[in-house]
């Protein structure tokens, strides 16, 4: 086994270890929503309007079904951490695939030389 093959295998193992330490995962996007209630005497009807909010909404698609949920302000930090972990998951999986392709090509090349 060449040094290059061993180096790639070690990088793949490190990537796998990082994957197992991510914690809670949540796909989706977090957005801020502002609303107007429609009451004529409310601050949201003033000029300029002072809309109600922000309200935080999480949206995601899973198995071709879109879903949204409102997120309480008290849960916001946790949801943001879960979203960040999910983004890290995607990045690490992409890295693993790229390294694996490189490893397969290198092994194939070395096999042809022998």
PDB file of N, CA and C in Angstrom:
ATOM      1  N   UNK A   1       0.857  -1.178   0.000  1.00  0.00           N
ATOM      2  CA  UNK A   1       0.000   0.000   0.000  1.00  0.00           C
ATOM      3  C   UNK A   1       0.905   1.243   0.000  1.00  0.00           C
ATOM      4  N   UNK A   2       0.590   2.174  -0.865  1.00  0.00           N
ATOM      5  CA  UNK A   2       1.424   3.371  -0.987  1.00  0.00           C
ATOM      6  C   UNK A   2       1.115   4.376   0.120  1.00  0.00           C
ATOM      7  N   UNK A   3       2.003   5.334   0.274  1.00  0.00           N
ATOM      8  CA  UNK A   3       1.816   6.389   1.272  1.00  0.00           C
ATOM      9  C   UNK A   3       0.592   7.232   0.941  1.00  0.00           C
ATOM     10  N   UNK A   4       0.364   7.457  -0.356  1.00  0.00           N
ATOM     11  CA  UNK A   4      -0.785   8.270  -0.768  1.00  0.00           C
ATOM     12  C   UNK A   4      -2.103   7.595  -0.391  1.00  0.00           C
ATOM     13  N   UNK A   5      -2.169   6.281  -0.609  1.00  0.00           N
ATOM     14  CA  UNK A   5      -3.379   5.525  -0.263  1.00  0.00           C
ATOM     15  C   UNK A   5      -3.603   5.589   1.245  1.00  0.00           C
ATOM     16  N   UNK A   6      -2.565   5.364   2.007  1.00  0.00           N
ATOM     17  CA  UNK A   6      -2.697   5.396   3.473  1.00  0.00           C
ATOM     18  C   UNK A   6      -3.118   6.781   3.964  1.00  0.00           C
ATOM     19  N   UNK A   7      -2.560   7.827   3.362  1.00  0.00           N
ATOM     20  CA  UNK A   7      -2.916   9.200   3.755  1.00  0.00           C
ATOM     21  C   UNK A   7      -4.395   9.472   3.476  1.00  0.00           C
ATOM     22  N   UNK A   8      -4.886   9.027   2.337  1.00  0.00           N
ATOM     23  CA  UNK A   8      -6.306   9.220   2.008  1.00  0.00           C
ATOM     24  C   UNK A   8      -7.195   8.424   2.962  1.00  0.00           C
ATOM     25  N   UNK A   9      -6.792   7.201   3.283  1.00  0.00           N
ATOM     26  CA  UNK A   9      -7.576   6.393   4.211  1.00  0.00           C
ATOM     27  C   UNK A   9      -7.638   7.046   5.590  1.00  0.00           C
ATOM     28  N   UNK A  10      -6.540   7.641   6.027  1.00  0.00           N
ATOM     29  CA  UNK A  10      -6.535   8.339   7.310  1.00  0.00           C
ATOM     30  C   UNK A  10      -7.446   9.560   7.291  1.00  0.00           C
ATOM     31  N   UNK A  11      -7.437  10.302   6.187  1.00  0.00           N
ATOM     32  CA  UNK A  11      -8.319  11.469   6.072  1.00  0.00           C
ATOM     33  C   UNK A  11      -9.787  11.042   6.086  1.00  0.00           C
ATOM     34  N   UNK A  12     -10.093   9.914   5.451  1.00  0.00           N
ATOM     35  CA  UNK A  12     -11.468   9.401   5.456  1.00  0.00           C
ATOM     36  C   UNK A  12     -11.865   9.002   6.876  1.00  0.00           C
ATOM     37  N   UNK A  13     -10.987   8.363   7.607  1.00  0.00           N
ATOM     38  CA  UNK A  13     -11.277   7.983   8.987  1.00  0.00           C
ATOM     39  C   UNK A  13     -11.518   9.206   9.869  1.00  0.00           C
ATOM     40  N   UNK A  14     -10.727  10.246   9.685  1.00  0.00           N
ATOM     41  CA  UNK A  14     -10.941  11.489  10.448  1.00  0.00           C
ATOM     42  C   UNK A  14     -12.301  12.096  10.124  1.00  0.00           C
ATOM     43  N   UNK A  15     -12.667  12.072   8.855  1.00  0.00           N
ATOM     44  CA  UNK A  15     -13.974  12.594   8.440  1.00  0.00           C
ATOM     45  C   UNK A  15     -15.095  11.795   9.088  1.00  0.00           C
ATOM     46  N   UNK A  16     -14.975  10.483   9.135  1.00  0.00           N
ATOM     47  CA  UNK A  16     -15.984   9.639   9.768  1.00  0.00           C
ATOM     48  C   UNK A  16     -16.115   9.955  11.258  1.00  0.00           C
ATOM     49  N   UNK A  17     -14.980  10.160  11.929  1.00  0.00           N
ATOM     50  CA  UNK A  17     -15.028  10.502  13.357  1.00  0.00           C
ATOM     51  C   UNK A  17     -15.736  11.833  13.580  1.00  0.00           C
ATOM     52  N   UNK A  18     -15.468  12.798  12.709  1.00  0.00           N
ATOM     53  CA  UNK A  18     -16.144  14.094  12.826  1.00  0.00           C
ATOM     54  C   UNK A  18     -17.650  13.932  12.651  1.00  0.00           C
ATOM     55  N   UNK A  19     -18.055  13.054  11.733  1.00  0.00           N
ATOM     56  CA  UNK A  19     -19.482  12.826  11.501  1.00  0.00           C
ATOM     57  C   UNK A  19     -20.186  12.306  12.752  1.00  0.00           C
ATOM     58  N   UNK A  20     -19.522  11.430  13.473  1.00  0.00           N
ATOM     59  CA  UNK A  20     -20.168  10.824  14.641  1.00  0.00           C
ATOM     60  C   UNK A  20     -20.250  11.779  15.830  1.00  0.00           C
ATOM     61  N   UNK A  21     -19.547  12.887  15.774  1.00  0.00           N
ATOM     62  CA  UNK A  21     -19.550  13.817  16.909  1.00  0.00           C
ATOM     63  C   UNK A  21     -20.397  15.062  16.663  1.00  0.00           C
ATOM     64  N   UNK A  22     -21.217  15.061  15.640  1.00  0.00           N
ATOM     65  CA  UNK A  22     -21.966  16.268  15.289  1.00  0.00           C
ATOM     66  C   UNK A  22     -23.062  16.641  16.276  1.00  0.00           C
ATOM     67  N   UNK A  23     -23.776  15.695  16.814  1.00  0.00           N
ATOM     68  CA  UNK A  23     -24.892  16.026  17.694  1.00  0.00           C
ATOM     69  C   UNK A  23     -26.204  16.070  16.924  1.00  0.00           C
ATOM     70  N   UNK A  24     -27.171  16.796  17.465  1.00  0.00           N
ATOM     71  CA  UNK A  24     -28.507  16.856  16.861  1.00  0.00           C
ATOM     72  C   UNK A  24     -28.464  17.557  15.513  1.00  0.00           C
ATOM     73  N   UNK A  25     -29.247  17.023  14.577  1.00  0.00           N
ATOM     74  CA  UNK A  25     -29.286  17.545  13.206  1.00  0.00           C
ATOM     75  C   UNK A  25     -30.690  18.006  12.865  1.00  0.00           C
ATOM     76  N   UNK A  26     -30.751  19.074  12.098  1.00  0.00           N
ATOM     77  CA  UNK A  26     -32.045  19.551  11.625  1.00  0.00           C
ATOM     78  C   UNK A  26     -31.839  20.213  10.273  1.00  0.00           C
ATOM     79  N   UNK A  27     -32.520  19.694   9.230  1.00  0.00           N
ATOM     80  CA  UNK A  27     -32.412  20.358   7.930  1.00  0.00           C
ATOM     81  C   UNK A  27     -33.338  21.567   7.884  1.00  0.00           C
ATOM     82  N   UNK A  28     -33.109  22.431   6.938  1.00  0.00           N
ATOM     83  CA  UNK A  28     -34.042  23.526   6.718  1.00  0.00           C
ATOM     84  C   UNK A  28     -33.416  24.895   6.744  1.00  0.00           C
ATOM     85  N   UNK A  29     -34.305  25.871   6.687  1.00  0.00           N
ATOM     86  CA  UNK A  29     -33.921  27.279   6.693  1.00  0.00           C
ATOM     87  C   UNK A  29     -34.753  28.008   7.737  1.00  0.00           C
ATOM     88  N   UNK A  30     -34.095  28.910   8.420  1.00  0.00           N
ATOM     89  CA  UNK A  30     -34.755  29.704   9.446  1.00  0.00           C
ATOM     90  C   UNK A  30     -34.981  31.103   8.890  1.00  0.00           C
ATOM     91  N   UNK A  31     -36.195  31.596   9.048  1.00  0.00           N
ATOM     92  CA  UNK A  31     -36.491  32.944   8.564  1.00  0.00           C
ATOM     93  C   UNK A  31     -37.234  33.738   9.640  1.00  0.00           C
ATOM     94  N   UNK A  32     -37.172  35.056   9.507  1.00  0.00           N
ATOM     95  CA  UNK A  32     -37.903  35.950  10.404  1.00  0.00           C
ATOM     96  C   UNK A  32     -39.171  36.410   9.695  1.00  0.00           C
ATOM     97  N   UNK A  33     -40.255  36.393  10.432  1.00  0.00           N
ATOM     98  CA  UNK A  33     -41.541  36.819   9.886  1.00  0.00           C
ATOM     99  C   UNK A  33     -42.042  38.009  10.698  1.00  0.00           C
ATOM    100  N   UNK A  34     -42.638  38.963  10.016  1.00  0.00           N
ATOM    101  CA  UNK A  34     -43.289  40.102  10.659  1.00  0.00           C
ATOM    102  C   UNK A  34     -44.722  40.116  10.164  1.00  0.00           C
ATOM    103  N   UNK A  35     -45.660  40.428  11.036  1.00  0.00           N
ATOM    104  CA  UNK A  35     -47.068  40.378  10.642  1.00  0.00           C
ATOM    105  C   UNK A  35     -47.772  41.699  10.924  1.00  0.00           C
ATOM    106  N   UNK A  36     -48.896  41.836  10.250  1.00  0.00           N
ATOM    107  CA  UNK A  36     -49.811  42.955  10.452  1.00  0.00           C
ATOM    108  C   UNK A  36     -51.131  42.334  10.873  1.00  0.00           C
ATOM    109  N   UNK A  37     -51.669  42.757  12.016  1.00  0.00           N
ATOM    110  CA  UNK A  37     -52.875  42.113  12.543  1.00  0.00           C
ATOM    111  C   UNK A  37     -54.160  42.645  11.896  1.00  0.00           C
ATOM    112  N   UNK A  38     -54.125  43.855  11.406  1.00  0.00           N
ATOM    113  CA  UNK A  38     -55.297  44.403  10.739  1.00  0.00           C
ATOM    114  C   UNK A  38     -56.194  45.256  11.613  1.00  0.00           C
ATOM    115  N   UNK A  39     -55.917  45.357  12.903  1.00  0.00           N
ATOM    116  CA  UNK A  39     -56.722  46.217  13.772  1.00  0.00           C
ATOM    117  C   UNK A  39     -56.388  47.676  13.448  1.00  0.00           C
ATOM    118  N   UNK A  40     -57.400  48.498  13.238  1.00  0.00           N
ATOM    119  CA  UNK A  40     -57.129  49.876  12.806  1.00  0.00           C
ATOM    120  C   UNK A  40     -56.403  50.733  13.847  1.00  0.00           C
ATOM    121  N   UNK A  41     -56.499  50.385  15.123  1.00  0.00           N
ATOM    122  CA  UNK A  41     -55.850  51.199  16.157  1.00  0.00           C
ATOM    123  C   UNK A  41     -54.501  50.624  16.595  1.00  0.00           C
ATOM    124  N   UNK A  42     -54.064  49.563  15.991  1.00  0.00           N
ATOM    125  CA  UNK A  42     -52.819  48.901  16.386  1.00  0.00           C
ATOM    126  C   UNK A  42     -51.601  49.632  15.815  1.00  0.00           C
ATOM    127  N   UNK A  43     -50.470  49.437  16.438  1.00  0.00           N
ATOM    128  CA  UNK A  43     -49.224  50.064  15.989  1.00  0.00           C
ATOM    129  C   UNK A  43     -48.828  49.600  14.588  1.00  0.00           C
ATOM    130  N   UNK A  44     -49.302  48.417  14.173  1.00  0.00           N
ATOM    131  CA  UNK A  44     -48.955  47.922  12.840  1.00  0.00           C
ATOM    132  C   UNK A  44     -49.726  48.655  11.743  1.00  0.00           C
ATOM    133  N   UNK A  45     -50.756  49.428  12.139  1.00  0.00           N
ATOM    134  CA  UNK A  45     -51.518  50.208  11.167  1.00  0.00           C
ATOM    135  C   UNK A  45     -51.056  51.661  11.131  1.00  0.00           C
ATOM    136  N   UNK A  46     -50.077  52.017  11.952  1.00  0.00           N
ATOM    137  CA  UNK A  46     -49.583  53.394  12.021  1.00  0.00           C
ATOM    138  C   UNK A  46     -48.797  53.734  10.756  1.00  0.00           C
ATOM    139  N   UNK A  47     -48.430  54.997  10.654  1.00  0.00           N
ATOM    140  CA  UNK A  47     -47.617  55.435   9.525  1.00  0.00           C
ATOM    141  C   UNK A  47     -46.330  56.042  10.062  1.00  0.00           C
ATOM    142  N   UNK A  48     -45.193  55.446   9.980  1.00  0.00           N
ATOM    143  CA  UNK A  48     -44.920  54.152   9.338  1.00  0.00           C
ATOM    144  C   UNK A  48     -45.338  52.997  10.255  1.00  0.00           C
ATOM    145  N   UNK A  49     -45.667  51.864   9.650  1.00  0.00           N
ATOM    146  CA  UNK A  49     -46.140  50.732  10.448  1.00  0.00           C
ATOM    147  C   UNK A  49     -45.028  50.120  11.294  1.00  0.00           C
ATOM    148  N   UNK A  50     -45.401  49.695  12.495  1.00  0.00           N
ATOM    149  CA  UNK A  50     -44.499  48.946  13.370  1.00  0.00           C
ATOM    150  C   UNK A  50     -45.062  47.537  13.471  1.00  0.00           C
ATOM    151  N   UNK A  51     -44.602  46.678  12.569  1.00  0.00           N
ATOM    152  CA  UNK A  51     -45.164  45.333  12.481  1.00  0.00           C
ATOM    153  C   UNK A  51     -44.830  44.501  13.711  1.00  0.00           C
ATOM    154  N   UNK A  52     -45.660  43.485  13.939  1.00  0.00           N
ATOM    155  CA  UNK A  52     -45.459  42.553  15.042  1.00  0.00           C
ATOM    156  C   UNK A  52     -44.359  41.561  14.660  1.00  0.00           C
ATOM    157  N   UNK A  53     -43.496  41.275  15.620  1.00  0.00           N
ATOM    158  CA  UNK A  53     -42.454  40.294  15.331  1.00  0.00           C
ATOM    159  C   UNK A  53     -41.115  40.783  15.825  1.00  0.00           C
ATOM    160  N   UNK A  54     -40.068  40.127  15.520  1.00  0.00           N
ATOM    161  CA  UNK A  54     -40.034  39.018  14.567  1.00  0.00           C
ATOM    162  C   UNK A  54     -40.511  37.703  15.192  1.00  0.00           C
ATOM    163  N   UNK A  55     -41.102  36.888  14.323  1.00  0.00           N
ATOM    164  CA  UNK A  55     -41.429  35.515  14.648  1.00  0.00           C
ATOM    165  C   UNK A  55     -40.509  34.668  13.794  1.00  0.00           C
ATOM    166  N   UNK A  56     -40.011  33.599  14.353  1.00  0.00           N
ATOM    167  CA  UNK A  56     -39.060  32.765  13.627  1.00  0.00           C
ATOM    168  C   UNK A  56     -39.767  31.535  13.091  1.00  0.00           C
ATOM    169  N   UNK A  57     -39.487  31.253  11.828  1.00  0.00           N
ATOM    170  CA  UNK A  57     -40.132  30.129  11.173  1.00  0.00           C
ATOM    171  C   UNK A  57     -39.069  29.241  10.536  1.00  0.00           C
ATOM    172  N   UNK A  58     -39.207  27.955  10.746  1.00  0.00           N
ATOM    173  CA  UNK A  58     -38.298  26.967  10.194  1.00  0.00           C
ATOM    174  C   UNK A  58     -39.022  26.225   9.084  1.00  0.00           C
ATOM    175  N   UNK A  59     -38.398  26.138   7.942  1.00  0.00           N
ATOM    176  CA  UNK A  59     -38.994  25.418   6.818  1.00  0.00           C
ATOM    177  C   UNK A  59     -38.022  24.384   6.276  1.00  0.00           C
ATOM    178  N   UNK A  60     -38.537  23.209   5.913  1.00  0.00           N
ATOM    179  CA  UNK A  60     -37.698  22.171   5.329  1.00  0.00           C
ATOM    180  C   UNK A  60     -38.534  21.255   4.462  1.00  0.00           C
ATOM    181  N   UNK A  61     -37.856  20.500   3.617  1.00  0.00           N
ATOM    182  CA  UNK A  61     -38.501  19.520   2.761  1.00  0.00           C
ATOM    183  C   UNK A  61     -37.867  18.170   3.035  1.00  0.00           C
ATOM    184  N   UNK A  62     -38.702  17.183   3.262  1.00  0.00           N
ATOM    185  CA  UNK A  62     -38.224  15.826   3.529  1.00  0.00           C
ATOM    186  C   UNK A  62     -39.167  14.869   2.838  1.00  0.00           C
ATOM    187  N   UNK A  63     -38.618  13.938   2.070  1.00  0.00           N
ATOM    188  CA  UNK A  63     -39.419  12.984   1.298  1.00  0.00           C
ATOM    189  C   UNK A  63     -40.439  13.696   0.417  1.00  0.00           C
ATOM    190  N   UNK A  64     -40.001  14.758  -0.224  1.00  0.00           N
ATOM    191  CA  UNK A  64     -40.797  15.575  -1.153  1.00  0.00           C
ATOM    192  C   UNK A  64     -41.995  16.253  -0.496  1.00  0.00           C
ATOM    193  N   UNK A  65     -41.945  16.413   0.810  1.00  0.00           N
ATOM    194  CA  UNK A  65     -43.023  17.092   1.522  1.00  0.00           C
ATOM    195  C   UNK A  65     -42.444  18.290   2.262  1.00  0.00           C
ATOM    196  N   UNK A  66     -42.979  19.469   1.976  1.00  0.00           N
ATOM    197  CA  UNK A  66     -42.516  20.688   2.636  1.00  0.00           C
ATOM    198  C   UNK A  66     -43.256  20.889   3.948  1.00  0.00           C
ATOM    199  N   UNK A  67     -42.517  21.345   4.948  1.00  0.00           N
ATOM    200  CA  UNK A  67     -43.069  21.558   6.280  1.00  0.00           C
ATOM    201  C   UNK A  67     -42.514  22.853   6.842  1.00  0.00           C
ATOM    202  N   UNK A  68     -43.335  23.559   7.615  1.00  0.00           N
ATOM    203  CA  UNK A  68     -42.862  24.744   8.327  1.00  0.00           C
ATOM    204  C   UNK A  68     -43.327  24.652   9.772  1.00  0.00           C
ATOM    205  N   UNK A  69     -42.521  25.223  10.642  1.00  0.00           N
ATOM    206  CA  UNK A  69     -42.841  25.284  12.063  1.00  0.00           C
ATOM    207  C   UNK A  69     -42.388  26.627  12.601  1.00  0.00           C
ATOM    208  N   UNK A  70     -43.192  27.197  13.488  1.00  0.00           N
ATOM    209  CA  UNK A  70     -42.744  28.385  14.196  1.00  0.00           C
ATOM    210  C   UNK A  70     -41.799  27.940  15.299  1.00  0.00           C
ATOM    211  N   UNK A  71     -40.794  28.743  15.549  1.00  0.00           N
ATOM    212  CA  UNK A  71     -39.788  28.436  16.563  1.00  0.00           C
ATOM    213  C   UNK A  71     -39.874  29.488  17.658  1.00  0.00           C
ATOM    214  N   UNK A  72     -40.032  29.048  18.864  1.00  0.00           N
ATOM    215  CA  UNK A  72     -40.059  29.986  19.990  1.00  0.00           C
ATOM    216  C   UNK A  72     -38.684  30.604  20.169  1.00  0.00           C
ATOM    217  N   UNK A  73     -38.676  31.826  20.651  1.00  0.00           N
ATOM    218  CA  UNK A  73     -37.420  32.539  20.887  1.00  0.00           C
ATOM    219  C   UNK A  73     -36.521  31.752  21.848  1.00  0.00           C
ATOM    220  N   UNK A  74     -37.120  31.067  22.803  1.00  0.00           N
ATOM    221  CA  UNK A  74     -36.341  30.282  23.771  1.00  0.00           C
ATOM    222  C   UNK A  74     -35.674  29.070  23.123  1.00  0.00           C
ATOM    223  N   UNK A  75     -36.196  28.597  21.996  1.00  0.00           N
ATOM    224  CA  UNK A  75     -35.627  27.444  21.291  1.00  0.00           C
ATOM    225  C   UNK A  75     -34.698  27.849  20.153  1.00  0.00           C
ATOM    226  N   UNK A  76     -34.564  29.126  19.918  1.00  0.00           N
ATOM    227  CA  UNK A  76     -33.838  29.633  18.757  1.00  0.00           C
ATOM    228  C   UNK A  76     -32.378  29.184  18.731  1.00  0.00           C
ATOM    229  N   UNK A  77     -31.660  29.299  19.840  1.00  0.00           N
ATOM    230  CA  UNK A  77     -30.242  28.916  19.875  1.00  0.00           C
ATOM    231  C   UNK A  77     -30.070  27.434  19.562  1.00  0.00           C
ATOM    232  N   UNK A  78     -30.932  26.608  20.111  1.00  0.00           N
ATOM    233  CA  UNK A  78     -30.861  25.169  19.880  1.00  0.00           C
ATOM    234  C   UNK A  78     -31.117  24.837  18.405  1.00  0.00           C
ATOM    235  N   UNK A  79     -32.120  25.452  17.821  1.00  0.00           N
ATOM    236  CA  UNK A  79     -32.445  25.206  16.415  1.00  0.00           C
ATOM    237  C   UNK A  79     -31.305  25.674  15.514  1.00  0.00           C
ATOM    238  N   UNK A  80     -30.727  26.830  15.816  1.00  0.00           N
ATOM    239  CA  UNK A  80     -29.596  27.321  15.012  1.00  0.00           C
ATOM    240  C   UNK A  80     -28.420  26.350  15.081  1.00  0.00           C
ATOM    241  N   UNK A  81     -28.153  25.785  16.259  1.00  0.00           N
ATOM    242  CA  UNK A  81     -27.065  24.819  16.418  1.00  0.00           C
ATOM    243  C   UNK A  81     -27.356  23.556  15.599  1.00  0.00           C
ATOM    244  N   UNK A  82     -28.613  23.102  15.616  1.00  0.00           N
ATOM    245  CA  UNK A  82     -28.989  21.913  14.854  1.00  0.00           C
ATOM    246  C   UNK A  82     -28.847  22.153  13.352  1.00  0.00           C
ATOM    247  N   UNK A  83     -29.224  23.336  12.897  1.00  0.00           N
ATOM    248  CA  UNK A  83     -29.068  23.690  11.485  1.00  0.00           C
ATOM    249  C   UNK A  83     -27.590  23.733  11.095  1.00  0.00           C
ATOM    250  N   UNK A  84     -26.762  24.280  11.978  1.00  0.00           N
ATOM    251  CA  UNK A  84     -25.331  24.350  11.726  1.00  0.00           C
ATOM    252  C   UNK A  84     -24.730  22.944  11.661  1.00  0.00           C
ATOM    253  N   UNK A  85     -25.165  22.060  12.556  1.00  0.00           N
ATOM    254  CA  UNK A  85     -24.696  20.675  12.535  1.00  0.00           C
ATOM    255  C   UNK A  85     -25.092  19.975  11.246  1.00  0.00           C
ATOM    256  N   UNK A  86     -26.297  20.252  10.761  1.00  0.00           N
ATOM    257  CA  UNK A  86     -26.753  19.633   9.517  1.00  0.00           C
ATOM    258  C   UNK A  86     -25.914  20.120   8.334  1.00  0.00           C
ATOM    259  N   UNK A  87     -25.592  21.407   8.313  1.00  0.00           N
ATOM    260  CA  UNK A  87     -24.731  21.947   7.251  1.00  0.00           C
ATOM    261  C   UNK A  87     -23.346  21.301   7.319  1.00  0.00           C
ATOM    262  N   UNK A  88     -22.841  21.100   8.531  1.00  0.00           N
ATOM    263  CA  UNK A  88     -21.543  20.434   8.702  1.00  0.00           C
ATOM    264  C   UNK A  88     -21.621  18.994   8.205  1.00  0.00           C
ATOM    265  N   UNK A  89     -22.740  18.322   8.469  1.00  0.00           N
ATOM    266  CA  UNK A  89     -22.943  16.959   7.981  1.00  0.00           C
ATOM    267  C   UNK A  89     -22.832  16.913   6.467  1.00  0.00           C
ATOM    268  N   UNK A  90     -23.526  17.809   5.808  1.00  0.00           N
ATOM    269  CA  UNK A  90     -23.495  17.830   4.348  1.00  0.00           C
ATOM    270  C   UNK A  90     -22.081  18.078   3.826  1.00  0.00           C
ATOM    271  N   UNK A  91     -21.378  18.988   4.460  1.00  0.00           N
ATOM    272  CA  UNK A  91     -20.013  19.294   4.063  1.00  0.00           C
ATOM    273  C   UNK A  91     -19.090  18.091   4.266  1.00  0.00           C
ATOM    274  N   UNK A  92     -19.224  17.419   5.404  1.00  0.00           N
ATOM    275  CA  UNK A  92     -18.389  16.256   5.677  1.00  0.00           C
ATOM    276  C   UNK A  92     -18.697  15.090   4.741  1.00  0.00           C
ATOM    277  N   UNK A  93     -19.958  14.896   4.402  1.00  0.00           N
ATOM    278  CA  UNK A  93     -20.320  13.830   3.463  1.00  0.00           C
ATOM    279  C   UNK A  93     -19.728  14.144   2.085  1.00  0.00           C
ATOM    280  N   UNK A  94     -19.805  15.391   1.657  1.00  0.00           N
ATOM    281  CA  UNK A  94     -19.199  15.784   0.379  1.00  0.00           C
ATOM    282  C   UNK A  94     -17.691  15.537   0.395  1.00  0.00           C
ATOM    283  N   UNK A  95     -17.053  15.864   1.528  1.00  0.00           N
ATOM    284  CA  UNK A  95     -15.611  15.634   1.665  1.00  0.00           C
ATOM    285  C   UNK A  95     -15.296  14.142   1.587  1.00  0.00           C
ATOM    286  N   UNK A  96     -16.092  13.322   2.264  1.00  0.00           N
ATOM    287  CA  UNK A  96     -15.900  11.879   2.267  1.00  0.00           C
ATOM    288  C   UNK A  96     -16.019  11.322   0.847  1.00  0.00           C
ATOM    289  N   UNK A  97     -17.020  11.774   0.121  1.00  0.00           N
ATOM    290  CA  UNK A  97     -17.220  11.304  -1.251  1.00  0.00           C
ATOM    291  C   UNK A  97     -16.031  11.695  -2.129  1.00  0.00           C
ATOM    292  N   UNK A  98     -15.585  12.934  -2.021  1.00  0.00           N
ATOM    293  CA  UNK A  98     -14.450  13.395  -2.825  1.00  0.00           C
ATOM    294  C   UNK A  98     -13.191  12.587  -2.505  1.00  0.00           C
ATOM    295  N   UNK A  99     -12.941  12.366  -1.205  1.00  0.00           N
ATOM    296  CA  UNK A  99     -11.770  11.580  -0.814  1.00  0.00           C
ATOM    297  C   UNK A  99     -11.886  10.141  -1.294  1.00  0.00           C
ATOM    298  N   UNK A 100     -13.070   9.589  -1.223  1.00  0.00           N
ATOM    299  CA  UNK A 100     -13.292   8.218  -1.649  1.00  0.00           C
ATOM    300  C   UNK A 100     -13.068   8.062  -3.157  1.00  0.00           C
ATOM    301  N   UNK A 101     -13.541   9.020  -3.927  1.00  0.00           N
ATOM    302  CA  UNK A 101     -13.315   8.984  -5.375  1.00  0.00           C
ATOM    303  C   UNK A 101     -11.821   9.042  -5.665  1.00  0.00           C
ATOM    304  N   UNK A 102     -11.132   9.945  -4.979  1.00  0.00           N
ATOM    305  CA  UNK A 102      -9.691  10.076  -5.160  1.00  0.00           C
ATOM    306  C   UNK A 102      -8.980   8.777  -4.787  1.00  0.00           C
ATOM    307  N   UNK A 103      -9.399   8.149  -3.683  1.00  0.00           N
ATOM    308  CA  UNK A 103      -8.805   6.893  -3.243  1.00  0.00           C
ATOM    309  C   UNK A 103      -9.045   5.781  -4.265  1.00  0.00           C
ATOM    310  N   UNK A 104     -10.255   5.678  -4.757  1.00  0.00           N
ATOM    311  CA  UNK A 104     -10.574   4.644  -5.749  1.00  0.00           C
ATOM    312  C   UNK A 104      -9.751   4.819  -7.019  1.00  0.00           C
ATOM    313  N   UNK A 105      -9.623   6.049  -7.474  1.00  0.00           N
ATOM    314  CA  UNK A 105      -8.833   6.321  -8.677  1.00  0.00           C
ATOM    315  C   UNK A 105      -7.360   5.989  -8.451  1.00  0.00           C
ATOM    316  N   UNK A 106      -6.847   6.330  -7.287  1.00  0.00           N
ATOM    317  CA  UNK A 106      -5.449   6.051  -6.970  1.00  0.00           C
ATOM    318  C   UNK A 106      -5.192   4.545  -6.904  1.00  0.00           C
ATOM    319  N   UNK A 107      -6.092   3.817  -6.249  1.00  0.00           N
ATOM    320  CA  UNK A 107      -5.942   2.363  -6.169  1.00  0.00           C
ATOM    321  C   UNK A 107      -6.014   1.723  -7.552  1.00  0.00           C
ATOM    322  N   UNK A 108      -6.917   2.213  -8.371  1.00  0.00           N
ATOM    323  CA  UNK A 108      -7.051   1.678  -9.728  1.00  0.00           C
ATOM    324  C   UNK A 108      -5.786   1.938 -10.538  1.00  0.00           C
ATOM    325  N   UNK A 109      -5.262   3.146 -10.382  1.00  0.00           N
ATOM    326  CA  UNK A 109      -4.032   3.508 -11.085  1.00  0.00           C
ATOM    327  C   UNK A 109      -2.859   2.642 -10.638  1.00  0.00           C
ATOM    328  N   UNK A 110      -2.754   2.441  -9.334  1.00  0.00           N
ATOM    329  CA  UNK A 110      -1.665   1.599  -8.811  1.00  0.00           C
ATOM    330  C   UNK A 110      -1.821   0.153  -9.238  1.00  0.00           C
ATOM    331  N   UNK A 111      -3.038  -0.336  -9.337  1.00  0.00           N
ATOM    332  CA  UNK A 111      -3.278  -1.718  -9.742  1.00  0.00           C
ATOM    333  C   UNK A 111      -2.867  -1.914 -11.206  1.00  0.00           C
ATOM    334  N   UNK A 112      -3.071  -0.926 -12.042  1.00  0.00           N
ATOM    335  CA  UNK A 112      -2.692  -1.019 -13.445  1.00  0.00           C
ATOM    336  C   UNK A 112      -1.173  -1.048 -13.623  1.00  0.00           C
ATOM    337  N   UNK A 113      -0.473  -0.376 -12.716  1.00  0.00           N
ATOM    338  CA  UNK A 113       0.988  -0.309 -12.815  1.00  0.00           C
ATOM    339  C   UNK A 113       1.637  -1.641 -12.461  1.00  0.00           C
ATOM    340  N   UNK A 114       0.958  -2.446 -11.631  1.00  0.00           N
ATOM    341  CA  UNK A 114       1.572  -3.723 -11.207  1.00  0.00           C
ATOM    342  C   UNK A 114       1.170  -4.870 -12.084  1.00  0.00           C
TER     343      UNK A 114
END
